[in-house]
């Protein structure tokens, strides 16, 4: 296997992880949006404010996390900047950090009645 092949393989794995994260995040936003809508239908202003704030904070944190991931993996890649392994190092980092984020979202937001598997 050539370095080019390794680079392509690691990039493919990153794209899979990114698609998985995007599906999980979209599902989480949809579920939280449903919570907000239910609170609004019930005229529960306290719960509505809570749900609206939770959605806003999740979006803010996700934006900050995206910046973190970019900086983290840029720093990892820079360690061998210009080398033929550089793309693989970057992609492996992106995959690992993205998979960690998926675990965080599931740990923080899944409940017995709320699963974040994208198929559900």
N, C-alpha and C. Protein backbone atom coordinates (compact mmCIF):
# COMPACT_ATOMS: atom_id res chain seq x y z
N UNK A 1 0.85 -1.17 0.00
CA UNK A 1 0.00 0.00 0.00
C UNK A 1 0.91 1.25 0.00
N UNK A 2 0.62 2.16 -0.88
CA UNK A 2 1.42 3.39 -0.96
C UNK A 2 0.92 4.42 0.04
N UNK A 3 1.70 5.46 0.24
CA UNK A 3 1.27 6.54 1.14
C UNK A 3 0.01 7.20 0.60
N UNK A 4 -0.07 7.33 -0.71
CA UNK A 4 -1.28 7.89 -1.33
C UNK A 4 -2.49 7.04 -0.96
N UNK A 5 -2.36 5.72 -1.03
CA UNK A 5 -3.46 4.82 -0.67
C UNK A 5 -3.86 4.98 0.80
N UNK A 6 -2.85 5.09 1.66
CA UNK A 6 -3.11 5.29 3.09
C UNK A 6 -3.83 6.62 3.30
N UNK A 7 -3.37 7.66 2.64
CA UNK A 7 -4.01 8.97 2.76
C UNK A 7 -5.47 8.90 2.32
N UNK A 8 -5.73 8.22 1.22
CA UNK A 8 -7.10 8.09 0.72
C UNK A 8 -7.97 7.28 1.69
N UNK A 9 -7.40 6.23 2.24
CA UNK A 9 -8.14 5.38 3.18
C UNK A 9 -8.50 6.16 4.45
N UNK A 10 -7.54 6.90 4.99
CA UNK A 10 -7.82 7.66 6.22
C UNK A 10 -8.82 8.78 5.94
N UNK A 11 -8.75 9.37 4.77
CA UNK A 11 -9.71 10.42 4.40
C UNK A 11 -11.12 9.84 4.29
N UNK A 12 -11.22 8.65 3.73
CA UNK A 12 -12.52 7.97 3.62
C UNK A 12 -13.10 7.70 5.01
N UNK A 13 -12.27 7.26 5.93
CA UNK A 13 -12.73 7.00 7.30
C UNK A 13 -13.20 8.30 7.97
N UNK A 14 -12.49 9.38 7.73
CA UNK A 14 -12.90 10.67 8.28
C UNK A 14 -14.27 11.07 7.72
N UNK A 15 -14.46 10.91 6.43
CA UNK A 15 -15.74 11.28 5.82
C UNK A 15 -16.89 10.45 6.39
N UNK A 16 -16.65 9.19 6.69
CA UNK A 16 -17.66 8.34 7.32
C UNK A 16 -17.99 8.86 8.72
N UNK A 17 -16.96 9.19 9.49
CA UNK A 17 -17.17 9.71 10.84
C UNK A 17 -17.92 11.04 10.79
N UNK A 18 -17.56 11.89 9.85
CA UNK A 18 -18.21 13.20 9.71
C UNK A 18 -19.69 13.03 9.36
N UNK A 19 -19.99 12.11 8.45
CA UNK A 19 -21.38 11.86 8.09
C UNK A 19 -22.17 11.33 9.29
N UNK A 20 -21.55 10.46 10.07
CA UNK A 20 -22.19 9.92 11.27
C UNK A 20 -22.47 11.04 12.27
N UNK A 21 -21.48 11.88 12.50
CA UNK A 21 -21.67 13.02 13.41
C UNK A 21 -22.80 13.92 12.92
N UNK A 22 -22.80 14.23 11.66
CA UNK A 22 -23.83 15.12 11.12
C UNK A 22 -25.22 14.52 11.29
N UNK A 23 -25.34 13.23 11.10
CA UNK A 23 -26.64 12.56 11.29
C UNK A 23 -27.07 12.61 12.75
N UNK A 24 -26.15 12.32 13.65
CA UNK A 24 -26.44 12.37 15.09
C UNK A 24 -26.84 13.78 15.52
N UNK A 25 -26.07 14.75 15.08
CA UNK A 25 -26.33 16.15 15.45
C UNK A 25 -27.68 16.61 14.89
N UNK A 26 -27.97 16.28 13.65
CA UNK A 26 -29.26 16.67 13.05
C UNK A 26 -30.42 16.03 13.82
N UNK A 27 -30.26 14.77 14.18
CA UNK A 27 -31.32 14.09 14.93
C UNK A 27 -31.50 14.74 16.30
N UNK A 28 -30.39 15.06 16.95
CA UNK A 28 -30.47 15.71 18.25
C UNK A 28 -31.18 17.06 18.16
N UNK A 29 -30.83 17.86 17.16
CA UNK A 29 -31.50 19.14 16.97
C UNK A 29 -32.99 18.95 16.74
N UNK A 30 -33.34 17.96 15.94
CA UNK A 30 -34.76 17.69 15.66
C UNK A 30 -35.50 17.28 16.94
N UNK A 31 -34.90 16.40 17.71
CA UNK A 31 -35.54 15.97 18.97
C UNK A 31 -35.69 17.12 19.95
N UNK A 32 -34.66 17.94 20.06
CA UNK A 32 -34.74 19.08 20.96
C UNK A 32 -35.75 20.11 20.45
N UNK A 33 -35.85 20.24 19.15
CA UNK A 33 -36.86 21.12 18.56
C UNK A 33 -38.27 20.63 18.86
N UNK A 34 -38.46 19.32 18.85
CA UNK A 34 -39.75 18.74 19.20
C UNK A 34 -40.08 19.02 20.67
N UNK A 35 -39.07 18.91 21.53
CA UNK A 35 -39.28 19.23 22.95
C UNK A 35 -39.75 20.67 23.10
N UNK A 36 -39.10 21.57 22.40
CA UNK A 36 -39.45 22.99 22.45
C UNK A 36 -40.88 23.20 21.95
N UNK A 37 -41.22 22.56 20.84
CA UNK A 37 -42.57 22.71 20.28
C UNK A 37 -43.63 22.19 21.23
N UNK A 38 -43.36 21.07 21.89
CA UNK A 38 -44.33 20.52 22.86
C UNK A 38 -44.51 21.48 24.04
N UNK A 39 -43.43 22.04 24.51
CA UNK A 39 -43.53 23.00 25.62
C UNK A 39 -44.35 24.21 25.20
N UNK A 40 -44.16 24.64 23.98
CA UNK A 40 -44.90 25.80 23.46
C UNK A 40 -46.39 25.45 23.34
N UNK A 41 -46.70 24.25 22.84
CA UNK A 41 -48.10 23.83 22.70
C UNK A 41 -48.79 23.76 24.05
N UNK A 42 -48.05 23.37 25.07
CA UNK A 42 -48.62 23.26 26.42
C UNK A 42 -48.65 24.61 27.15
N UNK A 43 -48.15 25.65 26.48
CA UNK A 43 -48.06 26.97 27.10
C UNK A 43 -47.24 26.93 28.39
N UNK A 44 -46.21 26.09 28.40
CA UNK A 44 -45.30 25.97 29.55
C UNK A 44 -44.11 26.88 29.28
N UNK A 45 -44.23 28.12 29.66
CA UNK A 45 -43.20 29.11 29.33
C UNK A 45 -41.85 28.81 29.98
N UNK A 46 -41.89 28.22 31.17
CA UNK A 46 -40.63 27.88 31.84
C UNK A 46 -39.89 26.79 31.07
N UNK A 47 -40.61 25.75 30.69
CA UNK A 47 -40.00 24.67 29.92
C UNK A 47 -39.62 25.15 28.52
N UNK A 48 -40.43 26.01 27.94
CA UNK A 48 -40.13 26.57 26.62
C UNK A 48 -38.82 27.35 26.66
N UNK A 49 -38.64 28.16 27.68
CA UNK A 49 -37.39 28.92 27.84
C UNK A 49 -36.21 27.98 28.04
N UNK A 50 -36.41 26.96 28.87
CA UNK A 50 -35.36 25.97 29.11
C UNK A 50 -34.94 25.30 27.80
N UNK A 51 -35.93 24.82 27.03
CA UNK A 51 -35.64 24.11 25.78
C UNK A 51 -34.99 25.03 24.75
N UNK A 52 -35.46 26.26 24.67
CA UNK A 52 -34.89 27.22 23.73
C UNK A 52 -33.43 27.50 24.09
N UNK A 53 -33.15 27.66 25.37
CA UNK A 53 -31.78 27.90 25.83
C UNK A 53 -30.90 26.69 25.57
N UNK A 54 -31.43 25.50 25.80
CA UNK A 54 -30.66 24.27 25.55
C UNK A 54 -30.28 24.16 24.08
N UNK A 55 -31.21 24.45 23.19
CA UNK A 55 -30.93 24.43 21.75
C UNK A 55 -29.85 25.45 21.38
N UNK A 56 -29.99 26.66 21.89
CA UNK A 56 -29.02 27.72 21.60
C UNK A 56 -27.63 27.32 22.10
N UNK A 57 -27.56 26.79 23.30
CA UNK A 57 -26.27 26.40 23.85
C UNK A 57 -25.64 25.24 23.08
N UNK A 58 -26.45 24.28 22.67
CA UNK A 58 -25.91 23.17 21.88
C UNK A 58 -25.31 23.69 20.58
N UNK A 59 -26.02 24.59 19.91
CA UNK A 59 -25.50 25.16 18.66
C UNK A 59 -24.20 25.92 18.90
N UNK A 60 -24.16 26.70 19.97
CA UNK A 60 -22.94 27.45 20.30
C UNK A 60 -21.77 26.51 20.57
N UNK A 61 -22.02 25.50 21.38
CA UNK A 61 -20.96 24.55 21.72
C UNK A 61 -20.48 23.81 20.48
N UNK A 62 -21.40 23.44 19.60
CA UNK A 62 -20.99 22.73 18.39
C UNK A 62 -20.08 23.61 17.53
N UNK A 63 -20.41 24.89 17.44
CA UNK A 63 -19.56 25.81 16.68
C UNK A 63 -18.17 25.92 17.30
N UNK A 64 -18.12 26.01 18.60
CA UNK A 64 -16.83 26.08 19.31
C UNK A 64 -16.07 24.77 19.13
N UNK A 65 -16.79 23.66 19.22
CA UNK A 65 -16.15 22.36 19.04
C UNK A 65 -15.56 22.23 17.64
N UNK A 66 -16.28 22.69 16.62
CA UNK A 66 -15.75 22.63 15.25
C UNK A 66 -14.44 23.41 15.13
N UNK A 67 -14.36 24.55 15.79
CA UNK A 67 -13.12 25.33 15.80
C UNK A 67 -12.02 24.56 16.52
N UNK A 68 -12.36 23.99 17.66
CA UNK A 68 -11.39 23.19 18.42
C UNK A 68 -10.83 22.06 17.56
N UNK A 69 -11.73 21.33 16.91
CA UNK A 69 -11.30 20.20 16.09
C UNK A 69 -10.35 20.66 14.99
N UNK A 70 -10.69 21.74 14.35
CA UNK A 70 -9.85 22.28 13.28
C UNK A 70 -8.46 22.63 13.80
N UNK A 71 -8.41 23.30 14.93
CA UNK A 71 -7.12 23.69 15.51
C UNK A 71 -6.34 22.48 16.01
N UNK A 72 -7.02 21.57 16.67
CA UNK A 72 -6.37 20.37 17.21
C UNK A 72 -5.72 19.55 16.11
N UNK A 73 -6.47 19.32 15.05
CA UNK A 73 -5.94 18.48 13.97
C UNK A 73 -4.96 19.24 13.08
N UNK A 74 -5.12 20.54 13.00
CA UNK A 74 -4.13 21.34 12.31
C UNK A 74 -2.79 21.28 13.02
N UNK A 75 -2.83 21.31 14.34
CA UNK A 75 -1.59 21.21 15.13
C UNK A 75 -0.96 19.83 14.97
N UNK A 76 -1.78 18.79 14.96
CA UNK A 76 -1.25 17.43 14.77
C UNK A 76 -0.60 17.31 13.39
N UNK A 77 -1.26 17.82 12.39
CA UNK A 77 -0.74 17.75 11.03
C UNK A 77 0.55 18.56 10.89
N UNK A 78 0.61 19.67 11.57
CA UNK A 78 1.77 20.56 11.45
C UNK A 78 3.05 19.89 11.93
N UNK A 79 2.91 18.90 12.79
CA UNK A 79 4.09 18.21 13.30
C UNK A 79 4.91 17.56 12.19
N UNK A 80 4.26 17.23 11.10
CA UNK A 80 5.00 16.68 9.95
C UNK A 80 4.60 17.44 8.69
N UNK A 81 4.36 18.73 8.84
CA UNK A 81 3.90 19.58 7.75
C UNK A 81 4.77 19.41 6.51
N UNK A 82 4.10 19.17 5.43
CA UNK A 82 4.80 19.02 4.18
C UNK A 82 5.19 17.59 3.86
N UNK A 83 5.15 16.71 4.85
CA UNK A 83 5.51 15.32 4.60
C UNK A 83 4.38 14.58 3.91
N UNK A 84 4.70 13.49 3.30
CA UNK A 84 3.68 12.74 2.57
C UNK A 84 2.65 12.11 3.50
N UNK A 85 3.00 11.98 4.79
CA UNK A 85 2.06 11.43 5.77
C UNK A 85 1.11 12.50 6.32
N UNK A 86 1.36 13.74 6.02
CA UNK A 86 0.58 14.84 6.57
C UNK A 86 -0.93 14.67 6.38
N UNK A 87 -1.40 14.34 5.19
CA UNK A 87 -2.85 14.16 5.03
C UNK A 87 -3.42 13.02 5.89
N UNK A 88 -2.66 11.96 6.04
CA UNK A 88 -3.14 10.84 6.85
C UNK A 88 -3.19 11.22 8.33
N UNK A 89 -2.20 11.95 8.79
CA UNK A 89 -2.19 12.39 10.19
C UNK A 89 -3.39 13.29 10.46
N UNK A 90 -3.64 14.22 9.54
CA UNK A 90 -4.79 15.12 9.68
C UNK A 90 -6.10 14.32 9.69
N UNK A 91 -6.27 13.42 8.73
CA UNK A 91 -7.51 12.67 8.63
C UNK A 91 -7.72 11.75 9.82
N UNK A 92 -6.66 11.12 10.30
CA UNK A 92 -6.78 10.26 11.49
C UNK A 92 -7.19 11.08 12.70
N UNK A 93 -6.61 12.25 12.85
CA UNK A 93 -6.98 13.12 13.97
C UNK A 93 -8.45 13.54 13.85
N UNK A 94 -8.86 13.96 12.66
CA UNK A 94 -10.23 14.38 12.45
C UNK A 94 -11.20 13.24 12.76
N UNK A 95 -10.86 12.05 12.36
CA UNK A 95 -11.71 10.89 12.63
C UNK A 95 -11.80 10.64 14.13
N UNK A 96 -10.67 10.63 14.80
CA UNK A 96 -10.66 10.35 16.23
C UNK A 96 -11.43 11.41 17.02
N UNK A 97 -11.18 12.67 16.73
CA UNK A 97 -11.85 13.75 17.47
C UNK A 97 -13.35 13.75 17.15
N UNK A 98 -13.71 13.46 15.92
CA UNK A 98 -15.12 13.40 15.53
C UNK A 98 -15.82 12.24 16.23
N UNK A 99 -15.18 11.08 16.28
CA UNK A 99 -15.78 9.94 16.99
C UNK A 99 -15.92 10.24 18.48
N UNK A 100 -14.96 10.96 19.04
CA UNK A 100 -15.08 11.36 20.45
C UNK A 100 -16.29 12.27 20.66
N UNK A 101 -16.53 13.17 19.71
CA UNK A 101 -17.67 14.08 19.82
C UNK A 101 -18.99 13.30 19.75
N UNK A 102 -19.04 12.30 18.90
CA UNK A 102 -20.25 11.46 18.81
C UNK A 102 -20.52 10.82 20.17
N UNK A 103 -19.48 10.28 20.78
CA UNK A 103 -19.63 9.66 22.11
C UNK A 103 -20.10 10.69 23.13
N UNK A 104 -19.55 11.90 23.08
CA UNK A 104 -19.96 12.96 24.01
C UNK A 104 -21.43 13.29 23.84
N UNK A 105 -21.86 13.48 22.60
CA UNK A 105 -23.27 13.82 22.36
C UNK A 105 -24.19 12.72 22.87
N UNK A 106 -23.83 11.48 22.59
CA UNK A 106 -24.66 10.37 23.05
C UNK A 106 -24.68 10.30 24.58
N UNK A 107 -23.53 10.46 25.19
CA UNK A 107 -23.45 10.41 26.65
C UNK A 107 -24.28 11.54 27.28
N UNK A 108 -24.17 12.73 26.72
CA UNK A 108 -24.81 13.90 27.32
C UNK A 108 -26.30 14.02 27.03
N UNK A 109 -26.75 13.48 25.88
CA UNK A 109 -28.11 13.76 25.45
C UNK A 109 -29.01 12.54 25.30
N UNK A 110 -28.45 11.35 25.25
CA UNK A 110 -29.32 10.18 25.13
C UNK A 110 -29.99 9.89 26.45
N UNK A 111 -31.22 9.46 26.37
CA UNK A 111 -31.98 9.02 27.53
C UNK A 111 -32.66 7.71 27.14
N UNK A 112 -33.26 7.02 28.10
CA UNK A 112 -33.94 5.77 27.74
C UNK A 112 -35.01 5.95 26.65
N UNK A 113 -35.64 7.11 26.59
CA UNK A 113 -36.66 7.33 25.56
C UNK A 113 -36.17 8.21 24.40
N UNK A 114 -34.89 8.55 24.39
CA UNK A 114 -34.31 9.34 23.31
C UNK A 114 -32.99 8.72 22.88
N UNK A 115 -33.02 8.05 21.74
CA UNK A 115 -31.80 7.45 21.21
C UNK A 115 -31.33 8.30 20.04
N UNK A 116 -30.03 8.39 19.90
CA UNK A 116 -29.46 9.22 18.84
C UNK A 116 -28.89 8.39 17.70
N UNK A 117 -29.29 7.14 17.58
CA UNK A 117 -28.91 6.37 16.40
C UNK A 117 -29.64 6.98 15.22
N UNK A 118 -28.88 7.29 14.17
CA UNK A 118 -29.47 8.01 13.05
C UNK A 118 -30.58 7.25 12.32
N UNK A 119 -30.65 5.95 12.49
CA UNK A 119 -31.69 5.15 11.83
C UNK A 119 -33.06 5.33 12.48
N UNK A 120 -33.07 5.77 13.72
CA UNK A 120 -34.35 5.91 14.45
C UNK A 120 -35.05 7.19 14.11
